[in-house]
């Protein structure tokens, strides 16, 4: 199923971190470009990522963002974009929670300890 959506950031902190990447070092600008591409893909189809099972959604996300679904979009260089799909009136929105490298992604989901 293909479902178009609009990209929203979970909060201003996430949005500012994204905007800061554009003016950053070379690796930051590359990550910015990867994220822009991911946002375009997600806007075209909110379900283009990989669904995270509900039991694996970090409690931190459930509490902070009041979400009941979580999706992962694999970025180049082992980065991960985490987002949730919701609705706002009749518009489907994809809410960007954060992006993190593979090491921190594994830690957050308990795949590897420290």
PDB file of N, CA and C in Angstrom:
ATOM      1  N   UNK A   1       0.846  -1.187   0.000  1.00  0.00           N
ATOM      2  CA  UNK A   1       0.000   0.000   0.000  1.00  0.00           C
ATOM      3  C   UNK A   1       0.881   1.237   0.000  1.00  0.00           C
ATOM      4  N   UNK A   2       0.590   2.143  -0.885  1.00  0.00           N
ATOM      5  CA  UNK A   2       1.346   3.388  -1.001  1.00  0.00           C
ATOM      6  C   UNK A   2       0.496   4.515  -0.430  1.00  0.00           C
ATOM      7  N   UNK A   3       1.054   5.281   0.518  1.00  0.00           N
ATOM      8  CA  UNK A   3       0.293   6.340   1.174  1.00  0.00           C
ATOM      9  C   UNK A   3       1.124   7.616   1.242  1.00  0.00           C
ATOM     10  N   UNK A   4       0.763   8.627   0.457  1.00  0.00           N
ATOM     11  CA  UNK A   4       1.488   9.902   0.525  1.00  0.00           C
ATOM     12  C   UNK A   4       1.330  10.540   1.907  1.00  0.00           C
ATOM     13  N   UNK A   5       2.344  11.306   2.317  1.00  0.00           N
ATOM     14  CA  UNK A   5       2.289  11.968   3.626  1.00  0.00           C
ATOM     15  C   UNK A   5       3.043  13.287   3.579  1.00  0.00           C
ATOM     16  N   UNK A   6       2.914  14.041   4.614  1.00  0.00           N
ATOM     17  CA  UNK A   6       3.666  15.285   4.800  1.00  0.00           C
ATOM     18  C   UNK A   6       4.657  15.063   5.923  1.00  0.00           C
ATOM     19  N   UNK A   7       5.856  15.602   5.774  1.00  0.00           N
ATOM     20  CA  UNK A   7       6.887  15.476   6.810  1.00  0.00           C
ATOM     21  C   UNK A   7       6.695  16.556   7.863  1.00  0.00           C
ATOM     22  N   UNK A   8       6.711  16.144   9.099  1.00  0.00           N
ATOM     23  CA  UNK A   8       6.689  17.053  10.248  1.00  0.00           C
ATOM     24  C   UNK A   8       7.809  16.610  11.176  1.00  0.00           C
ATOM     25  N   UNK A   9       8.376  17.545  11.902  1.00  0.00           N
ATOM     26  CA  UNK A   9       9.385  17.200  12.892  1.00  0.00           C
ATOM     27  C   UNK A   9       8.707  17.058  14.247  1.00  0.00           C
ATOM     28  N   UNK A  10       9.202  16.137  15.047  1.00  0.00           N
ATOM     29  CA  UNK A  10       8.600  15.859  16.352  1.00  0.00           C
ATOM     30  C   UNK A  10       8.599  17.104  17.231  1.00  0.00           C
ATOM     31  N   UNK A  11       9.660  17.894  17.140  1.00  0.00           N
ATOM     32  CA  UNK A  11       9.742  19.131  17.919  1.00  0.00           C
ATOM     33  C   UNK A  11      10.765  20.061  17.278  1.00  0.00           C
ATOM     34  N   UNK A  12      10.882  21.281  17.814  1.00  0.00           N
ATOM     35  CA  UNK A  12      11.802  22.273  17.255  1.00  0.00           C
ATOM     36  C   UNK A  12      13.262  21.848  17.368  1.00  0.00           C
ATOM     37  N   UNK A  13      13.588  21.100  18.396  1.00  0.00           N
ATOM     38  CA  UNK A  13      14.961  20.641  18.591  1.00  0.00           C
ATOM     39  C   UNK A  13      15.404  19.760  17.420  1.00  0.00           C
ATOM     40  N   UNK A  14      14.545  18.850  17.014  1.00  0.00           N
ATOM     41  CA  UNK A  14      14.852  17.960  15.890  1.00  0.00           C
ATOM     42  C   UNK A  14      14.947  18.773  14.599  1.00  0.00           C
ATOM     43  N   UNK A  15      14.018  19.703  14.405  1.00  0.00           N
ATOM     44  CA  UNK A  15      14.019  20.541  13.198  1.00  0.00           C
ATOM     45  C   UNK A  15      15.291  21.379  13.121  1.00  0.00           C
ATOM     46  N   UNK A  16      15.693  21.988  14.228  1.00  0.00           N
ATOM     47  CA  UNK A  16      16.904  22.823  14.242  1.00  0.00           C
ATOM     48  C   UNK A  16      18.161  21.986  14.001  1.00  0.00           C
ATOM     49  N   UNK A  17      18.184  20.775  14.547  1.00  0.00           N
ATOM     50  CA  UNK A  17      19.331  19.883  14.327  1.00  0.00           C
ATOM     51  C   UNK A  17      19.448  19.549  12.840  1.00  0.00           C
ATOM     52  N   UNK A  18      18.310  19.319  12.188  1.00  0.00           N
ATOM     53  CA  UNK A  18      18.307  19.042  10.748  1.00  0.00           C
ATOM     54  C   UNK A  18      18.809  20.258   9.970  1.00  0.00           C
ATOM     55  N   UNK A  19      18.291  21.430  10.272  1.00  0.00           N
ATOM     56  CA  UNK A  19      18.691  22.652   9.565  1.00  0.00           C
ATOM     57  C   UNK A  19      20.174  22.955   9.760  1.00  0.00           C
ATOM     58  N   UNK A  20      20.693  22.656  10.933  1.00  0.00           N
ATOM     59  CA  UNK A  20      22.105  22.902  11.242  1.00  0.00           C
ATOM     60  C   UNK A  20      23.029  22.027  10.383  1.00  0.00           C
ATOM     61  N   UNK A  21      22.578  20.833  10.030  1.00  0.00           N
ATOM     62  CA  UNK A  21      23.388  19.927   9.213  1.00  0.00           C
ATOM     63  C   UNK A  21      23.756  20.540   7.862  1.00  0.00           C
ATOM     64  N   UNK A  22      22.846  21.321   7.300  1.00  0.00           N
ATOM     65  CA  UNK A  22      23.073  21.901   5.973  1.00  0.00           C
ATOM     66  C   UNK A  22      24.300  22.808   5.943  1.00  0.00           C
ATOM     67  N   UNK A  23      24.584  23.467   7.051  1.00  0.00           N
ATOM     68  CA  UNK A  23      25.707  24.401   7.124  1.00  0.00           C
ATOM     69  C   UNK A  23      26.934  23.798   7.806  1.00  0.00           C
ATOM     70  N   UNK A  24      26.883  22.517   8.108  1.00  0.00           N
ATOM     71  CA  UNK A  24      27.947  21.870   8.870  1.00  0.00           C
ATOM     72  C   UNK A  24      29.120  21.424   8.023  1.00  0.00           C
ATOM     73  N   UNK A  25      29.915  20.541   8.628  1.00  0.00           N
ATOM     74  CA  UNK A  25      31.080  19.973   7.953  1.00  0.00           C
ATOM     75  C   UNK A  25      30.621  19.092   6.799  1.00  0.00           C
ATOM     76  N   UNK A  26      31.563  18.608   6.035  1.00  0.00           N
ATOM     77  CA  UNK A  26      31.253  17.780   4.865  1.00  0.00           C
ATOM     78  C   UNK A  26      30.380  16.594   5.208  1.00  0.00           C
ATOM     79  N   UNK A  27      30.731  15.861   6.275  1.00  0.00           N
ATOM     80  CA  UNK A  27      29.916  14.694   6.639  1.00  0.00           C
ATOM     81  C   UNK A  27      28.512  15.102   7.084  1.00  0.00           C
ATOM     82  N   UNK A  28      28.383  16.288   7.684  1.00  0.00           N
ATOM     83  CA  UNK A  28      27.065  16.786   8.084  1.00  0.00           C
ATOM     84  C   UNK A  28      26.217  17.114   6.855  1.00  0.00           C
ATOM     85  N   UNK A  29      26.827  17.746   5.860  1.00  0.00           N
ATOM     86  CA  UNK A  29      26.067  18.102   4.658  1.00  0.00           C
ATOM     87  C   UNK A  29      25.660  16.847   3.880  1.00  0.00           C
ATOM     88  N   UNK A  30      26.494  15.806   3.911  1.00  0.00           N
ATOM     89  CA  UNK A  30      26.122  14.545   3.261  1.00  0.00           C
ATOM     90  C   UNK A  30      24.917  13.929   3.983  1.00  0.00           C
ATOM     91  N   UNK A  31      24.952  13.924   5.319  1.00  0.00           N
ATOM     92  CA  UNK A  31      23.829  13.401   6.088  1.00  0.00           C
ATOM     93  C   UNK A  31      22.570  14.208   5.793  1.00  0.00           C
ATOM     94  N   UNK A  32      22.711  15.535   5.683  1.00  0.00           N
ATOM     95  CA  UNK A  32      21.591  16.404   5.327  1.00  0.00           C
ATOM     96  C   UNK A  32      20.987  15.952   3.994  1.00  0.00           C
ATOM     97  N   UNK A  33      21.840  15.690   3.007  1.00  0.00           N
ATOM     98  CA  UNK A  33      21.366  15.249   1.693  1.00  0.00           C
ATOM     99  C   UNK A  33      20.666  13.892   1.783  1.00  0.00           C
ATOM    100  N   UNK A  34      21.222  12.984   2.585  1.00  0.00           N
ATOM    101  CA  UNK A  34      20.591  11.672   2.772  1.00  0.00           C
ATOM    102  C   UNK A  34      19.199  11.829   3.385  1.00  0.00           C
ATOM    103  N   UNK A  35      19.085  12.719   4.371  1.00  0.00           N
ATOM    104  CA  UNK A  35      17.806  12.941   5.039  1.00  0.00           C
ATOM    105  C   UNK A  35      16.786  13.567   4.096  1.00  0.00           C
ATOM    106  N   UNK A  36      17.230  14.530   3.288  1.00  0.00           N
ATOM    107  CA  UNK A  36      16.326  15.157   2.317  1.00  0.00           C
ATOM    108  C   UNK A  36      15.760  14.098   1.383  1.00  0.00           C
ATOM    109  N   UNK A  37      16.622  13.213   0.910  1.00  0.00           N
ATOM    110  CA  UNK A  37      16.173  12.133   0.017  1.00  0.00           C
ATOM    111  C   UNK A  37      15.173  11.226   0.754  1.00  0.00           C
ATOM    112  N   UNK A  38      15.479  10.887   1.995  1.00  0.00           N
ATOM    113  CA  UNK A  38      14.577  10.044   2.784  1.00  0.00           C
ATOM    114  C   UNK A  38      13.221  10.733   2.963  1.00  0.00           C
ATOM    115  N   UNK A  39      13.243  12.028   3.265  1.00  0.00           N
ATOM    116  CA  UNK A  39      11.990  12.767   3.444  1.00  0.00           C
ATOM    117  C   UNK A  39      11.152  12.734   2.161  1.00  0.00           C
ATOM    118  N   UNK A  40      11.817  12.859   1.011  1.00  0.00           N
ATOM    119  CA  UNK A  40      11.101  12.800  -0.265  1.00  0.00           C
ATOM    120  C   UNK A  40      10.451  11.428  -0.445  1.00  0.00           C
ATOM    121  N   UNK A  41      11.203  10.376  -0.139  1.00  0.00           N
ATOM    122  CA  UNK A  41      10.657   9.015  -0.255  1.00  0.00           C
ATOM    123  C   UNK A  41       9.473   8.815   0.691  1.00  0.00           C
ATOM    124  N   UNK A  42       9.607   9.303   1.922  1.00  0.00           N
ATOM    125  CA  UNK A  42       8.544   9.140   2.920  1.00  0.00           C
ATOM    126  C   UNK A  42       7.312   9.961   2.545  1.00  0.00           C
ATOM    127  N   UNK A  43       7.522  11.156   1.974  1.00  0.00           N
ATOM    128  CA  UNK A  43       6.378  11.952   1.524  1.00  0.00           C
ATOM    129  C   UNK A  43       5.628  11.238   0.399  1.00  0.00           C
ATOM    130  N   UNK A  44       6.362  10.532  -0.437  1.00  0.00           N
ATOM    131  CA  UNK A  44       5.745   9.777  -1.529  1.00  0.00           C
ATOM    132  C   UNK A  44       4.999   8.555  -0.991  1.00  0.00           C
ATOM    133  N   UNK A  45       5.583   7.908   0.033  1.00  0.00           N
ATOM    134  CA  UNK A  45       4.959   6.725   0.619  1.00  0.00           C
ATOM    135  C   UNK A  45       5.378   6.600   2.084  1.00  0.00           C
ATOM    136  N   UNK A  46       4.469   6.910   2.983  1.00  0.00           N
ATOM    137  CA  UNK A  46       4.759   6.878   4.422  1.00  0.00           C
ATOM    138  C   UNK A  46       5.221   5.503   4.886  1.00  0.00           C
ATOM    139  N   UNK A  47       4.864   4.459   4.150  1.00  0.00           N
ATOM    140  CA  UNK A  47       5.202   3.096   4.544  1.00  0.00           C
ATOM    141  C   UNK A  47       6.436   2.551   3.826  1.00  0.00           C
ATOM    142  N   UNK A  48       7.291   3.426   3.304  1.00  0.00           N
ATOM    143  CA  UNK A  48       8.474   2.965   2.577  1.00  0.00           C
ATOM    144  C   UNK A  48       9.567   2.437   3.509  1.00  0.00           C
ATOM    145  N   UNK A  49       9.486   2.777   4.773  1.00  0.00           N
ATOM    146  CA  UNK A  49      10.477   2.306   5.732  1.00  0.00           C
ATOM    147  C   UNK A  49      10.157   0.899   6.215  1.00  0.00           C
ATOM    148  N   UNK A  50      10.888   0.484   7.213  1.00  0.00           N
ATOM    149  CA  UNK A  50      10.702  -0.830   7.818  1.00  0.00           C
ATOM    150  C   UNK A  50       9.976  -0.641   9.145  1.00  0.00           C
ATOM    151  N   UNK A  51       8.854  -1.333   9.304  1.00  0.00           N
ATOM    152  CA  UNK A  51       8.054  -1.196  10.531  1.00  0.00           C
ATOM    153  C   UNK A  51       8.770  -1.879  11.688  1.00  0.00           C
ATOM    154  N   UNK A  52       8.892  -1.150  12.794  1.00  0.00           N
ATOM    155  CA  UNK A  52       9.466  -1.686  14.028  1.00  0.00           C
ATOM    156  C   UNK A  52       8.321  -2.332  14.819  1.00  0.00           C
ATOM    157  N   UNK A  53       8.477  -3.572  15.258  1.00  0.00           N
ATOM    158  CA  UNK A  53       7.413  -4.199  16.064  1.00  0.00           C
ATOM    159  C   UNK A  53       7.080  -3.354  17.307  1.00  0.00           C
ATOM    160  N   UNK A  54       5.805  -3.296  17.651  1.00  0.00           N
ATOM    161  CA  UNK A  54       5.347  -2.467  18.773  1.00  0.00           C
ATOM    162  C   UNK A  54       6.101  -2.754  20.069  1.00  0.00           C
ATOM    163  N   UNK A  55       6.405  -4.035  20.323  1.00  0.00           N
ATOM    164  CA  UNK A  55       7.094  -4.389  21.563  1.00  0.00           C
ATOM    165  C   UNK A  55       8.528  -3.857  21.612  1.00  0.00           C
ATOM    166  N   UNK A  56       9.078  -3.463  20.475  1.00  0.00           N
ATOM    167  CA  UNK A  56      10.451  -2.932  20.437  1.00  0.00           C
ATOM    168  C   UNK A  56      10.516  -1.407  20.455  1.00  0.00           C
ATOM    169  N   UNK A  57       9.365  -0.745  20.386  1.00  0.00           N
ATOM    170  CA  UNK A  57       9.380   0.723  20.418  1.00  0.00           C
ATOM    171  C   UNK A  57       9.887   1.172  21.784  1.00  0.00           C
ATOM    172  N   UNK A  58      10.969   1.968  21.813  1.00  0.00           N
ATOM    173  CA  UNK A  58      11.495   2.419  23.105  1.00  0.00           C
ATOM    174  C   UNK A  58      10.442   3.185  23.908  1.00  0.00           C
ATOM    175  N   UNK A  59      10.379   2.883  25.199  1.00  0.00           N
ATOM    176  CA  UNK A  59       9.418   3.553  26.086  1.00  0.00           C
ATOM    177  C   UNK A  59       9.592   5.064  26.034  1.00  0.00           C
ATOM    178  N   UNK A  60      10.829   5.495  25.869  1.00  0.00           N
ATOM    179  CA  UNK A  60      11.139   6.928  25.761  1.00  0.00           C
ATOM    180  C   UNK A  60      10.311   7.571  24.640  1.00  0.00           C
ATOM    181  N   UNK A  61      10.204   6.912  23.499  1.00  0.00           N
ATOM    182  CA  UNK A  61       9.432   7.443  22.376  1.00  0.00           C
ATOM    183  C   UNK A  61       7.938   7.420  22.671  1.00  0.00           C
ATOM    184  N   UNK A  62       7.473   6.332  23.248  1.00  0.00           N
ATOM    185  CA  UNK A  62       6.045   6.229  23.567  1.00  0.00           C
ATOM    186  C   UNK A  62       5.618   7.349  24.510  1.00  0.00           C
ATOM    187  N   UNK A  63       6.447   7.606  25.510  1.00  0.00           N
ATOM    188  CA  UNK A  63       6.122   8.625  26.506  1.00  0.00           C
ATOM    189  C   UNK A  63       6.277  10.038  25.946  1.00  0.00           C
ATOM    190  N   UNK A  64       7.415  10.300  25.343  1.00  0.00           N
ATOM    191  CA  UNK A  64       7.727  11.657  24.879  1.00  0.00           C
ATOM    192  C   UNK A  64       6.856  12.090  23.700  1.00  0.00           C
ATOM    193  N   UNK A  65       6.630  11.179  22.744  1.00  0.00           N
ATOM    194  CA  UNK A  65       5.929  11.554  21.519  1.00  0.00           C
ATOM    195  C   UNK A  65       4.516  10.990  21.427  1.00  0.00           C
ATOM    196  N   UNK A  66       4.128  10.164  22.403  1.00  0.00           N
ATOM    197  CA  UNK A  66       2.794   9.547  22.428  1.00  0.00           C
ATOM    198  C   UNK A  66       2.493   8.832  21.109  1.00  0.00           C
ATOM    199  N   UNK A  67       3.424   7.987  20.685  1.00  0.00           N
ATOM    200  CA  UNK A  67       3.253   7.256  19.433  1.00  0.00           C
ATOM    201  C   UNK A  67       2.910   5.792  19.716  1.00  0.00           C
ATOM    202  N   UNK A  68       2.291   5.155  18.739  1.00  0.00           N
ATOM    203  CA  UNK A  68       2.004   3.729  18.871  1.00  0.00           C
ATOM    204  C   UNK A  68       2.538   2.948  17.671  1.00  0.00           C
ATOM    205  N   UNK A  69       3.318   3.629  16.808  1.00  0.00           N
ATOM    206  CA  UNK A  69       3.963   2.955  15.696  1.00  0.00           C
ATOM    207  C   UNK A  69       5.308   3.623  15.435  1.00  0.00           C
ATOM    208  N   UNK A  70       6.232   2.854  14.900  1.00  0.00           N
ATOM    209  CA  UNK A  70       7.572   3.370  14.635  1.00  0.00           C
ATOM    210  C   UNK A  70       8.101   2.715  13.371  1.00  0.00           C
ATOM    211  N   UNK A  71       8.728   3.524  12.545  1.00  0.00           N
ATOM    212  CA  UNK A  71       9.292   3.072  11.284  1.00  0.00           C
ATOM    213  C   UNK A  71      10.758   3.453  11.229  1.00  0.00           C
ATOM    214  N   UNK A  72      11.534   2.636  10.540  1.00  0.00           N
ATOM    215  CA  UNK A  72      12.971   2.878  10.365  1.00  0.00           C
ATOM    216  C   UNK A  72      13.249   2.991   8.876  1.00  0.00           C
ATOM    217  N   UNK A  73      14.011   4.011   8.522  1.00  0.00           N
ATOM    218  CA  UNK A  73      14.454   4.186   7.139  1.00  0.00           C
ATOM    219  C   UNK A  73      15.971   4.103   7.182  1.00  0.00           C
ATOM    220  N   UNK A  74      16.532   3.124   6.480  1.00  0.00           N
ATOM    221  CA  UNK A  74      17.983   2.954   6.457  1.00  0.00           C
ATOM    222  C   UNK A  74      18.622   3.984   5.537  1.00  0.00           C
ATOM    223  N   UNK A  75      19.538   4.755   6.107  1.00  0.00           N
ATOM    224  CA  UNK A  75      20.282   5.759   5.360  1.00  0.00           C
ATOM    225  C   UNK A  75      21.664   5.200   5.030  1.00  0.00           C
ATOM    226  N   UNK A  76      22.368   5.804   4.066  1.00  0.00           N
ATOM    227  CA  UNK A  76      23.740   5.371   3.788  1.00  0.00           C
ATOM    228  C   UNK A  76      24.643   5.539   5.012  1.00  0.00           C
ATOM    229  N   UNK A  77      25.768   4.860   4.976  1.00  0.00           N
ATOM    230  CA  UNK A  77      26.779   4.920   6.039  1.00  0.00           C
ATOM    231  C   UNK A  77      26.237   4.458   7.386  1.00  0.00           C
ATOM    232  N   UNK A  78      25.309   3.531   7.366  1.00  0.00           N
ATOM    233  CA  UNK A  78      24.753   2.889   8.569  1.00  0.00           C
ATOM    234  C   UNK A  78      23.988   3.845   9.487  1.00  0.00           C
ATOM    235  N   UNK A  79      23.478   4.958   8.966  1.00  0.00           N
ATOM    236  CA  UNK A  79      22.618   5.846   9.740  1.00  0.00           C
ATOM    237  C   UNK A  79      21.185   5.328   9.645  1.00  0.00           C
ATOM    238  N   UNK A  80      20.374   5.650  10.634  1.00  0.00           N
ATOM    239  CA  UNK A  80      18.969   5.266  10.670  1.00  0.00           C
ATOM    240  C   UNK A  80      18.101   6.489  10.951  1.00  0.00           C
ATOM    241  N   UNK A  81      17.011   6.611  10.216  1.00  0.00           N
ATOM    242  CA  UNK A  81      16.019   7.651  10.454  1.00  0.00           C
ATOM    243  C   UNK A  81      14.817   6.977  11.092  1.00  0.00           C
ATOM    244  N   UNK A  82      14.361   7.487  12.208  1.00  0.00           N
ATOM    245  CA  UNK A  82      13.203   6.930  12.900  1.00  0.00           C
ATOM    246  C   UNK A  82      12.042   7.910  12.792  1.00  0.00           C
ATOM    247  N   UNK A  83      10.885   7.372  12.404  1.00  0.00           N
ATOM    248  CA  UNK A  83       9.712   8.228  12.263  1.00  0.00           C
ATOM    249  C   UNK A  83       8.449   7.452  12.598  1.00  0.00           C
ATOM    250  N   UNK A  84       7.402   8.183  12.838  1.00  0.00           N
ATOM    251  CA  UNK A  84       6.109   7.594  13.154  1.00  0.00           C
ATOM    252  C   UNK A  84       5.092   8.126  12.147  1.00  0.00           C
ATOM    253  N   UNK A  85       4.105   7.330  11.828  1.00  0.00           N
ATOM    254  CA  UNK A  85       3.069   7.737  10.883  1.00  0.00           C
ATOM    255  C   UNK A  85       1.794   8.023  11.665  1.00  0.00           C
ATOM    256  N   UNK A  86       1.223   9.181  11.422  1.00  0.00           N
ATOM    257  CA  UNK A  86      -0.004   9.574  12.100  1.00  0.00           C
ATOM    258  C   UNK A  86      -0.899  10.336  11.147  1.00  0.00           C
ATOM    259  N   UNK A  87      -1.934  10.924  11.683  1.00  0.00           N
ATOM    260  CA  UNK A  87      -2.806  11.730  10.834  1.00  0.00           C
ATOM    261  C   UNK A  87      -3.148  13.033  11.550  1.00  0.00           C
ATOM    262  N   UNK A  88      -3.370  14.031  10.753  1.00  0.00           N
ATOM    263  CA  UNK A  88      -3.739  15.348  11.242  1.00  0.00           C
ATOM    264  C   UNK A  88      -4.901  15.783  10.359  1.00  0.00           C
ATOM    265  N   UNK A  89      -6.088  15.736  10.923  1.00  0.00           N
ATOM    266  CA  UNK A  89      -7.317  15.928  10.153  1.00  0.00           C
ATOM    267  C   UNK A  89      -7.344  14.872   9.045  1.00  0.00           C
ATOM    268  N   UNK A  90      -7.371  15.270   7.785  1.00  0.00           N
ATOM    269  CA  UNK A  90      -7.412  14.308   6.694  1.00  0.00           C
ATOM    270  C   UNK A  90      -6.057  14.138   6.013  1.00  0.00           C
ATOM    271  N   UNK A  91      -5.015  14.649   6.631  1.00  0.00           N
ATOM    272  CA  UNK A  91      -3.681  14.579   6.055  1.00  0.00           C
ATOM    273  C   UNK A  91      -2.853  13.570   6.836  1.00  0.00           C
ATOM    274  N   UNK A  92      -2.218  12.668   6.122  1.00  0.00           N
ATOM    275  CA  UNK A  92      -1.303  11.718   6.757  1.00  0.00           C
ATOM    276  C   UNK A  92       0.028  12.433   6.945  1.00  0.00           C
ATOM    277  N   UNK A  93       0.574  12.342   8.147  1.00  0.00           N
ATOM    278  CA  UNK A  93       1.854  12.979   8.426  1.00  0.00           C
ATOM    279  C   UNK A  93       2.867  11.932   8.883  1.00  0.00           C
ATOM    280  N   UNK A  94       4.115  12.159   8.524  1.00  0.00           N
ATOM    281  CA  UNK A  94       5.213  11.329   8.999  1.00  0.00           C
ATOM    282  C   UNK A  94       6.047  12.206   9.915  1.00  0.00           C
ATOM    283  N   UNK A  95       6.163  11.810  11.169  1.00  0.00           N
ATOM    284  CA  UNK A  95       6.807  12.617  12.193  1.00  0.00           C
ATOM    285  C   UNK A  95       8.225  12.119  12.412  1.00  0.00           C
ATOM    286  N   UNK A  96       9.198  12.962  12.090  1.00  0.00           N
ATOM    287  CA  UNK A  96      10.601  12.608  12.247  1.00  0.00           C
ATOM    288  C   UNK A  96      10.974  12.724  13.721  1.00  0.00           C
ATOM    289  N   UNK A  97      11.404  11.613  14.316  1.00  0.00           N
ATOM    290  CA  UNK A  97      11.782  11.591  15.722  1.00  0.00           C
ATOM    291  C   UNK A  97      13.270  11.875  15.901  1.00  0.00           C
ATOM    292  N   UNK A  98      14.112  11.144  15.180  1.00  0.00           N
ATOM    293  CA  UNK A  98      15.550  11.379  15.237  1.00  0.00           C
ATOM    294  C   UNK A  98      16.244  10.498  14.215  1.00  0.00           C
ATOM    295  N   UNK A  99      17.515  10.771  14.009  1.00  0.00           N
ATOM    296  CA  UNK A  99      18.371   9.922  13.201  1.00  0.00           C
ATOM    297  C   UNK A  99      19.595   9.635  14.037  1.00  0.00           C
ATOM    298  N   UNK A 100      20.146   8.458  13.880  1.00  0.00           N
ATOM    299  CA  UNK A 100      21.292   8.071  14.689  1.00  0.00           C
ATOM    300  C   UNK A 100      22.123   7.054  13.925  1.00  0.00           C
ATOM    301  N   UNK A 101      23.391   6.983  14.285  1.00  0.00           N
ATOM    302  CA  UNK A 101      24.253   6.024  13.615  1.00  0.00           C
ATOM    303  C   UNK A 101      23.926   4.616  14.100  1.00  0.00           C
ATOM    304  N   UNK A 102      24.488   3.641  13.409  1.00  0.00           N
ATOM    305  CA  UNK A 102      24.142   2.244  13.673  1.00  0.00           C
ATOM    306  C   UNK A 102      24.466   1.830  15.106  1.00  0.00           C
ATOM    307  N   UNK A 103      25.593   2.289  15.621  1.00  0.00           N
ATOM    308  CA  UNK A 103      26.014   1.943  16.988  1.00  0.00           C
ATOM    309  C   UNK A 103      24.981   2.423  18.012  1.00  0.00           C
ATOM    310  N   UNK A 104      24.554   3.668  17.891  1.00  0.00           N
ATOM    311  CA  UNK A 104      23.575   4.212  18.830  1.00  0.00           C
ATOM    312  C   UNK A 104      22.185   3.628  18.606  1.00  0.00           C
ATOM    313  N   UNK A 105      21.882   3.271  17.352  1.00  0.00           N
ATOM    314  CA  UNK A 105      20.613   2.597  17.055  1.00  0.00           C
ATOM    315  C   UNK A 105      20.566   1.250  17.782  1.00  0.00           C
ATOM    316  N   UNK A 106      21.653   0.483  17.682  1.00  0.00           N
ATOM    317  CA  UNK A 106      21.725  -0.812  18.368  1.00  0.00           C
ATOM    318  C   UNK A 106      21.561  -0.649  19.872  1.00  0.00           C
ATOM    319  N   UNK A 107      22.178   0.385  20.433  1.00  0.00           N
ATOM    320  CA  UNK A 107      22.053   0.634  21.881  1.00  0.00           C
ATOM    321  C   UNK A 107      20.624   0.962  22.267  1.00  0.00           C
ATOM    322  N   UNK A 108      19.994   1.847  21.495  1.00  0.00           N
ATOM    323  CA  UNK A 108      18.630   2.291  21.811  1.00  0.00           C
ATOM    324  C   UNK A 108      17.651   1.120  21.818  1.00  0.00           C
ATOM    325  N   UNK A 109      17.853   0.166  20.910  1.00  0.00           N
ATOM    326  CA  UNK A 109      16.933  -0.953  20.803  1.00  0.00           C
ATOM    327  C   UNK A 109      17.421  -2.184  21.558  1.00  0.00           C
ATOM    328  N   UNK A 110      18.533  -2.032  22.288  1.00  0.00           N
ATOM    329  CA  UNK A 110      19.005  -3.108  23.134  1.00  0.00           C
ATOM    330  C   UNK A 110      19.652  -4.265  22.396  1.00  0.00           C
ATOM    331  N   UNK A 111      20.080  -4.030  21.152  1.00  0.00           N
ATOM    332  CA  UNK A 111      20.728  -5.094  20.392  1.00  0.00           C
ATOM    333  C   UNK A 111      22.146  -5.328  20.892  1.00  0.00           C
ATOM    334  N   UNK A 112      22.799  -4.257  21.333  1.00  0.00           N
ATOM    335  CA  UNK A 112      24.162  -4.373  21.885  1.00  0.00           C
ATOM    336  C   UNK A 112      24.235  -3.498  23.119  1.00  0.00           C
ATOM    337  N   UNK A 113      24.909  -3.962  24.107  1.00  0.00           N
ATOM    338  CA  UNK A 113      25.093  -3.184  25.328  1.00  0.00           C
ATOM    339  C   UNK A 113      26.413  -2.417  25.195  1.00  0.00           C
ATOM    340  N   UNK A 114      26.375  -1.130  25.559  1.00  0.00           N
ATOM    341  CA  UNK A 114      27.533  -0.234  25.524  1.00  0.00           C
ATOM    342  C   UNK A 114      28.540  -0.754  24.590  1.00  0.00           C
TER     343      UNK A 114
END
